[in-house]
Each structure stands twice: as C-alpha cells, then as structure tokens.
C-alpha cells in the first residue's frame, strides 16, 4: 500500500469533499450497491444519504492505519496529531489524524502527506505546508 501522492484534492462543497475522501481511501462503493438498492426501494433516498451509506469504512480504516503507522515516528506528524486532537478536547493521536482528514484541514494535510511520502527526509519544520497546517489547527 502507498499513499496516493498523485491524487489532486480540491473541493468546494461537501459532495466534492466526500469524493476526494473516496479517492484517497480507495473506497469501493460498489460493495454497498445492493444495500442502497434495497433501501432505495423501501424509501427514496436522497443523494447525501445514499452517499453516506456507501461510505467504505474498511477502506478508510486501512488507509488511516497505514498513514499512522508510516508517520508515528515522525515528530512533526506527532505534533500535528496532538494539536488536531486538542480541537476535540483530546490528546488521542488517532483522533487527531481523523480531524486532519476533516473538511477544514484535508487540503493542507494532504499536501503535508504528499511532501512526506515523496521525500520523508525533507519534511522539516520549515516545510511551508507543515507551517500552514499548524497555523490552521493551532
């Protein structure tokens, strides 16, 4: 598994944001098609509900675990995770990681991950994407 560093992340609304998450996490919406068809036949589902039902938790868990495992020894990511977790009144780094994948932070966090996975040794405190993300979450 690798982080999709070539994935372009740009969104201006919730639907586009969710689409970006699906690409990043390599979600398989097809595995939920049958469930959606059954529910849709009982009660007409709106697009957002259909989208929520097709969210592939397994794929997101796999990618989040991979990212955390790959960054757990990096002091800058540890600082990002704790600082982001504090937004939820927590110090749990896994919560911080989830917060960084939220609507408000994904664009900037993705740039940090791209920088890190492209060249880990060059991901330093002076990295502009790291600085921008720390400003956003602090």
N, C-alpha and C. Protein backbone atom coordinates (compact mmCIF):
# COMPACT_ATOMS: atom_id res chain seq x y z
N UNK A 1 0.84 -1.18 0.00
CA UNK A 1 0.00 0.00 0.00
C UNK A 1 0.88 1.24 0.00
N UNK A 2 0.42 2.26 -0.67
CA UNK A 2 1.11 3.55 -0.67
C UNK A 2 0.06 4.66 -0.56
N UNK A 3 0.52 5.80 -0.13
CA UNK A 3 -0.38 6.94 -0.08
C UNK A 3 -0.48 7.52 -1.50
N UNK A 4 -1.68 7.88 -1.95
CA UNK A 4 -1.86 8.37 -3.32
C UNK A 4 -1.38 9.81 -3.51
N UNK A 5 -0.07 9.97 -3.64
CA UNK A 5 0.51 11.31 -3.73
C UNK A 5 0.13 12.04 -5.00
N UNK A 6 -0.32 11.32 -6.02
CA UNK A 6 -0.70 11.96 -7.28
C UNK A 6 -2.16 12.40 -7.29
N UNK A 7 -2.88 12.10 -6.25
CA UNK A 7 -4.30 12.45 -6.17
C UNK A 7 -4.45 13.95 -5.95
N UNK A 8 -5.21 14.58 -6.81
CA UNK A 8 -5.47 16.02 -6.68
C UNK A 8 -6.66 16.22 -5.75
N UNK A 9 -6.48 17.04 -4.74
CA UNK A 9 -7.52 17.31 -3.75
C UNK A 9 -7.98 18.74 -3.89
N UNK A 10 -9.21 18.88 -4.36
CA UNK A 10 -9.81 20.20 -4.48
C UNK A 10 -11.32 20.03 -4.33
N UNK A 11 -11.90 20.77 -3.44
CA UNK A 11 -13.34 20.68 -3.22
C UNK A 11 -13.86 22.03 -2.74
N UNK A 12 -15.13 22.25 -3.03
CA UNK A 12 -15.78 23.50 -2.61
C UNK A 12 -17.11 23.24 -1.92
N UNK A 13 -17.46 21.97 -1.79
CA UNK A 13 -18.69 21.62 -1.10
C UNK A 13 -18.56 20.20 -0.52
N UNK A 14 -19.55 19.80 0.23
CA UNK A 14 -19.50 18.52 0.92
C UNK A 14 -19.43 17.34 -0.06
N UNK A 15 -20.17 17.42 -1.15
CA UNK A 15 -20.17 16.34 -2.13
C UNK A 15 -18.78 16.15 -2.74
N UNK A 16 -18.14 17.25 -3.11
CA UNK A 16 -16.78 17.17 -3.68
C UNK A 16 -15.78 16.69 -2.63
N UNK A 17 -15.95 17.13 -1.38
CA UNK A 17 -15.07 16.67 -0.29
C UNK A 17 -15.17 15.16 -0.13
N UNK A 18 -16.38 14.64 -0.09
CA UNK A 18 -16.57 13.20 0.07
C UNK A 18 -15.97 12.44 -1.11
N UNK A 19 -16.07 13.00 -2.28
CA UNK A 19 -15.47 12.37 -3.45
C UNK A 19 -13.95 12.28 -3.30
N UNK A 20 -13.35 13.33 -2.78
CA UNK A 20 -11.90 13.33 -2.54
C UNK A 20 -11.52 12.25 -1.53
N UNK A 21 -12.30 12.14 -0.45
CA UNK A 21 -12.02 11.10 0.54
C UNK A 21 -12.09 9.71 -0.09
N UNK A 22 -13.09 9.51 -0.93
CA UNK A 22 -13.25 8.21 -1.59
C UNK A 22 -12.02 7.87 -2.45
N UNK A 23 -11.50 8.88 -3.14
CA UNK A 23 -10.30 8.66 -3.96
C UNK A 23 -9.08 8.36 -3.07
N UNK A 24 -8.89 9.17 -2.05
CA UNK A 24 -7.74 8.98 -1.17
C UNK A 24 -7.74 7.62 -0.48
N UNK A 25 -8.91 7.20 -0.06
CA UNK A 25 -9.02 5.95 0.68
C UNK A 25 -9.28 4.74 -0.21
N UNK A 26 -9.34 4.97 -1.53
CA UNK A 26 -9.60 3.90 -2.50
C UNK A 26 -10.85 3.11 -2.09
N UNK A 27 -11.92 3.83 -1.85
CA UNK A 27 -13.16 3.20 -1.41
C UNK A 27 -13.83 2.44 -2.54
N UNK A 28 -14.51 1.39 -2.15
CA UNK A 28 -15.25 0.56 -3.09
C UNK A 28 -16.74 0.73 -2.84
N UNK A 29 -17.32 1.69 -3.50
CA UNK A 29 -18.75 1.99 -3.32
C UNK A 29 -19.62 0.85 -3.84
N UNK A 30 -19.13 0.09 -4.80
CA UNK A 30 -19.92 -0.99 -5.39
C UNK A 30 -20.32 -2.04 -4.36
N UNK A 31 -19.51 -2.23 -3.34
CA UNK A 31 -19.86 -3.26 -2.36
C UNK A 31 -21.10 -2.88 -1.55
N UNK A 32 -21.56 -1.64 -1.67
CA UNK A 32 -22.75 -1.19 -0.97
C UNK A 32 -23.95 -1.00 -1.91
N UNK A 33 -23.75 -1.26 -3.20
CA UNK A 33 -24.82 -1.04 -4.18
C UNK A 33 -26.09 -1.81 -3.85
N UNK A 34 -25.96 -3.08 -3.47
CA UNK A 34 -27.14 -3.89 -3.16
C UNK A 34 -27.90 -3.31 -1.97
N UNK A 35 -27.19 -2.94 -0.93
CA UNK A 35 -27.82 -2.36 0.26
C UNK A 35 -28.56 -1.06 -0.12
N UNK A 36 -27.94 -0.26 -0.94
CA UNK A 36 -28.57 1.00 -1.37
C UNK A 36 -29.82 0.72 -2.19
N UNK A 37 -29.73 -0.26 -3.10
CA UNK A 37 -30.90 -0.59 -3.93
C UNK A 37 -32.08 -1.04 -3.06
N UNK A 38 -31.81 -1.87 -2.06
CA UNK A 38 -32.87 -2.37 -1.18
C UNK A 38 -33.48 -1.20 -0.41
N UNK A 39 -32.64 -0.38 0.20
CA UNK A 39 -33.15 0.76 0.97
C UNK A 39 -33.88 1.75 0.08
N UNK A 40 -33.36 1.95 -1.12
CA UNK A 40 -33.97 2.89 -2.06
C UNK A 40 -35.35 2.40 -2.51
N UNK A 41 -35.51 1.09 -2.57
CA UNK A 41 -36.82 0.55 -2.97
C UNK A 41 -37.86 0.71 -1.86
N UNK A 42 -37.41 0.77 -0.63
CA UNK A 42 -38.31 0.96 0.51
C UNK A 42 -38.67 2.43 0.68
N UNK A 43 -37.67 3.24 0.61
CA UNK A 43 -37.85 4.68 0.79
C UNK A 43 -36.86 5.39 -0.12
N UNK A 44 -37.35 6.29 -0.94
CA UNK A 44 -36.47 7.00 -1.86
C UNK A 44 -35.39 7.76 -1.09
N UNK A 45 -34.13 7.42 -1.36
CA UNK A 45 -33.01 8.03 -0.66
C UNK A 45 -32.54 9.29 -1.38
N UNK A 46 -32.22 10.30 -0.59
CA UNK A 46 -31.62 11.48 -1.20
C UNK A 46 -30.15 11.19 -1.47
N UNK A 47 -29.52 12.03 -2.27
CA UNK A 47 -28.13 11.79 -2.68
C UNK A 47 -27.17 11.72 -1.50
N UNK A 48 -27.36 12.58 -0.52
CA UNK A 48 -26.43 12.59 0.62
C UNK A 48 -26.56 11.32 1.45
N UNK A 49 -27.78 10.86 1.66
CA UNK A 49 -27.98 9.61 2.41
C UNK A 49 -27.38 8.44 1.65
N UNK A 50 -27.60 8.40 0.35
CA UNK A 50 -27.03 7.34 -0.49
C UNK A 50 -25.50 7.38 -0.38
N UNK A 51 -24.94 8.56 -0.40
CA UNK A 51 -23.50 8.73 -0.28
C UNK A 51 -23.00 8.24 1.07
N UNK A 52 -23.71 8.56 2.14
CA UNK A 52 -23.30 8.13 3.48
C UNK A 52 -23.35 6.61 3.62
N UNK A 53 -24.36 5.99 3.05
CA UNK A 53 -24.49 4.54 3.14
C UNK A 53 -23.36 3.84 2.39
N UNK A 54 -22.89 4.45 1.32
CA UNK A 54 -21.84 3.82 0.51
C UNK A 54 -20.43 4.11 1.01
N UNK A 55 -20.32 4.78 2.16
CA UNK A 55 -19.00 5.08 2.73
C UNK A 55 -18.33 3.77 3.15
N UNK A 56 -17.18 3.50 2.62
CA UNK A 56 -16.45 2.25 2.87
C UNK A 56 -15.53 2.42 4.08
N UNK A 57 -16.07 2.07 5.25
CA UNK A 57 -15.31 2.22 6.49
C UNK A 57 -14.04 1.38 6.50
N UNK A 58 -14.12 0.20 5.92
CA UNK A 58 -12.94 -0.67 5.89
C UNK A 58 -11.78 -0.01 5.15
N UNK A 59 -12.08 0.57 4.01
CA UNK A 59 -11.03 1.22 3.21
C UNK A 59 -10.45 2.42 3.96
N UNK A 60 -11.30 3.19 4.62
CA UNK A 60 -10.78 4.35 5.35
C UNK A 60 -9.93 3.91 6.53
N UNK A 61 -10.34 2.86 7.22
CA UNK A 61 -9.57 2.35 8.35
C UNK A 61 -8.20 1.86 7.90
N UNK A 62 -8.18 1.14 6.79
CA UNK A 62 -6.91 0.63 6.26
C UNK A 62 -5.96 1.78 5.93
N UNK A 63 -6.46 2.82 5.26
CA UNK A 63 -5.59 3.93 4.89
C UNK A 63 -5.16 4.73 6.11
N UNK A 64 -6.07 5.00 7.04
CA UNK A 64 -5.70 5.74 8.24
C UNK A 64 -4.66 4.97 9.05
N UNK A 65 -4.83 3.68 9.18
CA UNK A 65 -3.84 2.85 9.90
C UNK A 65 -2.50 2.89 9.20
N UNK A 66 -2.52 2.82 7.87
CA UNK A 66 -1.28 2.87 7.10
C UNK A 66 -0.56 4.21 7.33
N UNK A 67 -1.30 5.30 7.22
CA UNK A 67 -0.70 6.62 7.40
C UNK A 67 -0.13 6.76 8.81
N UNK A 68 -0.90 6.36 9.80
CA UNK A 68 -0.43 6.48 11.17
C UNK A 68 0.83 5.64 11.38
N UNK A 69 0.82 4.42 10.86
CA UNK A 69 1.97 3.54 11.01
C UNK A 69 3.22 4.13 10.35
N UNK A 70 3.04 4.75 9.20
CA UNK A 70 4.17 5.32 8.47
C UNK A 70 4.69 6.63 9.08
N UNK A 71 3.86 7.31 9.86
CA UNK A 71 4.25 8.62 10.39
C UNK A 71 4.42 8.64 11.91
N UNK A 72 4.19 7.52 12.56
CA UNK A 72 4.18 7.51 14.03
C UNK A 72 5.52 7.86 14.67
N UNK A 73 6.60 7.71 13.95
CA UNK A 73 7.93 8.04 14.49
C UNK A 73 8.37 9.46 14.13
N UNK A 74 7.59 10.14 13.32
CA UNK A 74 7.96 11.48 12.88
C UNK A 74 7.44 12.51 13.87
N UNK A 75 8.33 13.30 14.45
CA UNK A 75 7.94 14.25 15.50
C UNK A 75 6.98 15.33 14.98
N UNK A 76 7.10 15.71 13.72
CA UNK A 76 6.21 16.74 13.18
C UNK A 76 4.78 16.21 13.04
N UNK A 77 4.64 14.98 12.58
CA UNK A 77 3.29 14.41 12.50
C UNK A 77 2.72 14.18 13.89
N UNK A 78 3.55 13.79 14.82
CA UNK A 78 3.05 13.61 16.18
C UNK A 78 2.51 14.92 16.75
N UNK A 79 3.21 16.00 16.45
CA UNK A 79 2.76 17.32 16.88
C UNK A 79 1.44 17.69 16.19
N UNK A 80 1.36 17.40 14.89
CA UNK A 80 0.12 17.66 14.16
C UNK A 80 -1.04 16.87 14.76
N UNK A 81 -0.82 15.61 15.05
CA UNK A 81 -1.89 14.76 15.58
C UNK A 81 -2.38 15.24 16.94
N UNK A 82 -1.45 15.57 17.82
CA UNK A 82 -1.85 16.03 19.15
C UNK A 82 -2.55 17.39 19.06
N UNK A 83 -2.01 18.29 18.27
CA UNK A 83 -2.61 19.61 18.13
C UNK A 83 -4.02 19.51 17.54
N UNK A 84 -4.18 18.66 16.53
CA UNK A 84 -5.51 18.46 15.94
C UNK A 84 -6.46 17.79 16.92
N UNK A 85 -5.97 16.83 17.70
CA UNK A 85 -6.81 16.15 18.69
C UNK A 85 -7.33 17.13 19.73
N UNK A 86 -6.52 18.11 20.07
CA UNK A 86 -6.94 19.11 21.04
C UNK A 86 -8.18 19.87 20.58
N UNK A 87 -8.40 19.94 19.27
CA UNK A 87 -9.62 20.58 18.74
C UNK A 87 -10.86 19.83 19.20
N UNK A 88 -10.68 18.55 19.55
CA UNK A 88 -11.78 17.71 20.04
C UNK A 88 -11.62 17.44 21.54
N UNK A 89 -10.84 18.27 22.21
CA UNK A 89 -10.59 18.14 23.65
C UNK A 89 -10.02 16.76 23.99
N UNK A 90 -9.08 16.33 23.19
CA UNK A 90 -8.46 15.03 23.35
C UNK A 90 -6.96 15.17 23.11
N UNK A 91 -6.22 14.16 23.51
CA UNK A 91 -4.81 14.07 23.16
C UNK A 91 -4.54 12.77 22.41
N UNK A 92 -5.60 12.06 22.04
CA UNK A 92 -5.50 10.81 21.31
C UNK A 92 -5.06 11.12 19.87
N UNK A 93 -3.90 10.63 19.52
CA UNK A 93 -3.32 10.93 18.21
C UNK A 93 -4.17 10.39 17.05
N UNK A 94 -4.84 9.27 17.27
CA UNK A 94 -5.69 8.74 16.20
C UNK A 94 -6.89 9.66 15.95
N UNK A 95 -7.37 10.30 16.99
CA UNK A 95 -8.43 11.30 16.81
C UNK A 95 -7.88 12.49 16.05
N UNK A 96 -6.67 12.89 16.37
CA UNK A 96 -6.02 13.98 15.65
C UNK A 96 -5.89 13.68 14.17
N UNK A 97 -5.51 12.45 13.86
CA UNK A 97 -5.40 12.05 12.46
C UNK A 97 -6.75 12.17 11.76
N UNK A 98 -7.81 11.71 12.41
CA UNK A 98 -9.15 11.81 11.83
C UNK A 98 -9.55 13.28 11.62
N UNK A 99 -9.23 14.12 12.59
CA UNK A 99 -9.54 15.56 12.47
C UNK A 99 -8.84 16.15 11.26
N UNK A 100 -7.62 15.74 11.01
CA UNK A 100 -6.86 16.28 9.88
C UNK A 100 -7.45 15.87 8.53
N UNK A 101 -8.28 14.83 8.53
CA UNK A 101 -8.98 14.44 7.31
C UNK A 101 -10.36 15.06 7.23
N UNK A 102 -10.65 16.02 8.08
CA UNK A 102 -11.94 16.70 8.04
C UNK A 102 -11.94 17.77 6.95
N UNK A 103 -13.12 18.27 6.68
CA UNK A 103 -13.33 19.25 5.61
C UNK A 103 -12.39 20.44 5.73
N UNK A 104 -12.22 20.95 6.93
CA UNK A 104 -11.43 22.17 7.13
C UNK A 104 -9.93 22.00 6.91
N UNK A 105 -9.43 20.79 7.06
CA UNK A 105 -7.98 20.59 7.05
C UNK A 105 -7.45 19.68 5.95
N UNK A 106 -8.32 18.95 5.27
CA UNK A 106 -7.85 17.93 4.32
C UNK A 106 -6.93 18.49 3.24
N UNK A 107 -7.28 19.59 2.65
CA UNK A 107 -6.46 20.13 1.56
C UNK A 107 -5.01 20.35 2.00
N UNK A 108 -4.84 20.97 3.14
CA UNK A 108 -3.50 21.28 3.62
C UNK A 108 -2.80 20.04 4.16
N UNK A 109 -3.54 19.18 4.85
CA UNK A 109 -2.95 17.95 5.38
C UNK A 109 -2.49 17.05 4.23
N UNK A 110 -3.27 16.97 3.19
CA UNK A 110 -2.88 16.16 2.03
C UNK A 110 -1.53 16.64 1.47
N UNK A 111 -1.34 17.94 1.40
CA UNK A 111 -0.07 18.48 0.91
C UNK A 111 1.09 18.06 1.81
N UNK A 112 0.87 18.03 3.11
CA UNK A 112 1.90 17.55 4.04
C UNK A 112 2.21 16.08 3.78
N UNK A 113 1.17 15.29 3.60
CA UNK A 113 1.37 13.86 3.35
C UNK A 113 2.10 13.63 2.02
N UNK A 114 1.75 14.41 1.02
CA UNK A 114 2.44 14.30 -0.27
C UNK A 114 3.92 14.63 -0.10
N UNK A 115 4.20 15.71 0.61
CA UNK A 115 5.60 16.08 0.84
C UNK A 115 6.34 14.98 1.60
N UNK A 116 5.70 14.46 2.63
CA UNK A 116 6.34 13.43 3.46
C UNK A 116 6.57 12.14 2.67
N UNK A 117 5.54 11.67 2.00
CA UNK A 117 5.67 10.40 1.29
C UNK A 117 6.54 10.52 0.04
N UNK A 118 6.70 11.72 -0.48
CA UNK A 118 7.59 11.94 -1.61
C UNK A 118 9.04 11.96 -1.18
N UNK A 119 9.29 12.56 -0.01
CA UNK A 119 10.66 12.71 0.47
C UNK A 119 10.66 12.93 1.98
N UNK A 120 10.57 11.85 2.76
CA UNK A 120 10.44 11.98 4.22
C UNK A 120 11.54 12.82 4.88
N UNK A 121 12.74 12.71 4.37
CA UNK A 121 13.86 13.43 4.99
C UNK A 121 13.76 14.94 4.77
N UNK A 122 12.97 15.35 3.81
CA UNK A 122 12.80 16.78 3.53
C UNK A 122 11.57 17.39 4.21
N UNK A 123 10.82 16.54 4.92
CA UNK A 123 9.66 17.06 5.64
C UNK A 123 10.14 17.56 7.00
N UNK A 124 10.42 18.86 7.04
CA UNK A 124 11.02 19.50 8.22
C UNK A 124 10.14 20.66 8.68
N UNK A 125 10.49 21.23 9.82
CA UNK A 125 9.68 22.32 10.39
C UNK A 125 9.53 23.52 9.45
N UNK A 126 10.45 23.69 8.55
CA UNK A 126 10.40 24.82 7.61
C UNK A 126 9.51 24.53 6.40
N UNK A 127 8.99 23.33 6.31
CA UNK A 127 8.11 22.97 5.19
C UNK A 127 6.88 23.88 5.21
N UNK A 128 6.61 24.53 4.10
CA UNK A 128 5.53 25.52 4.03
C UNK A 128 4.16 24.90 4.30
N UNK A 129 3.95 23.68 3.84
CA UNK A 129 2.65 23.03 4.07
C UNK A 129 2.47 22.67 5.55
N UNK A 130 3.55 22.25 6.19
CA UNK A 130 3.51 21.99 7.63
C UNK A 130 3.20 23.28 8.39
N UNK A 131 3.87 24.35 8.04
CA UNK A 131 3.66 25.66 8.71
C UNK A 131 2.20 26.08 8.52
N UNK A 132 1.71 26.00 7.29
CA UNK A 132 0.32 26.41 7.02
C UNK A 132 -0.69 25.57 7.81
N UNK A 133 -0.45 24.29 7.89
CA UNK A 133 -1.38 23.41 8.62
C UNK A 133 -1.32 23.70 10.13
N UNK A 134 -0.14 23.90 10.65
CA UNK A 134 -0.03 24.22 12.08
C UNK A 134 -0.76 25.54 12.39
N UNK A 135 -0.65 26.51 11.51
CA UNK A 135 -1.38 27.78 11.71
C UNK A 135 -2.89 27.54 11.72
N UNK A 136 -3.36 26.66 10.84
CA UNK A 136 -4.79 26.38 10.75
C UNK A 136 -5.33 25.67 11.99
N UNK A 137 -4.58 24.72 12.52
CA UNK A 137 -5.10 23.91 13.62
C UNK A 137 -4.76 24.45 14.99
N UNK A 138 -3.89 25.43 15.05
CA UNK A 138 -3.48 25.97 16.37
C UNK A 138 -4.45 27.02 16.87
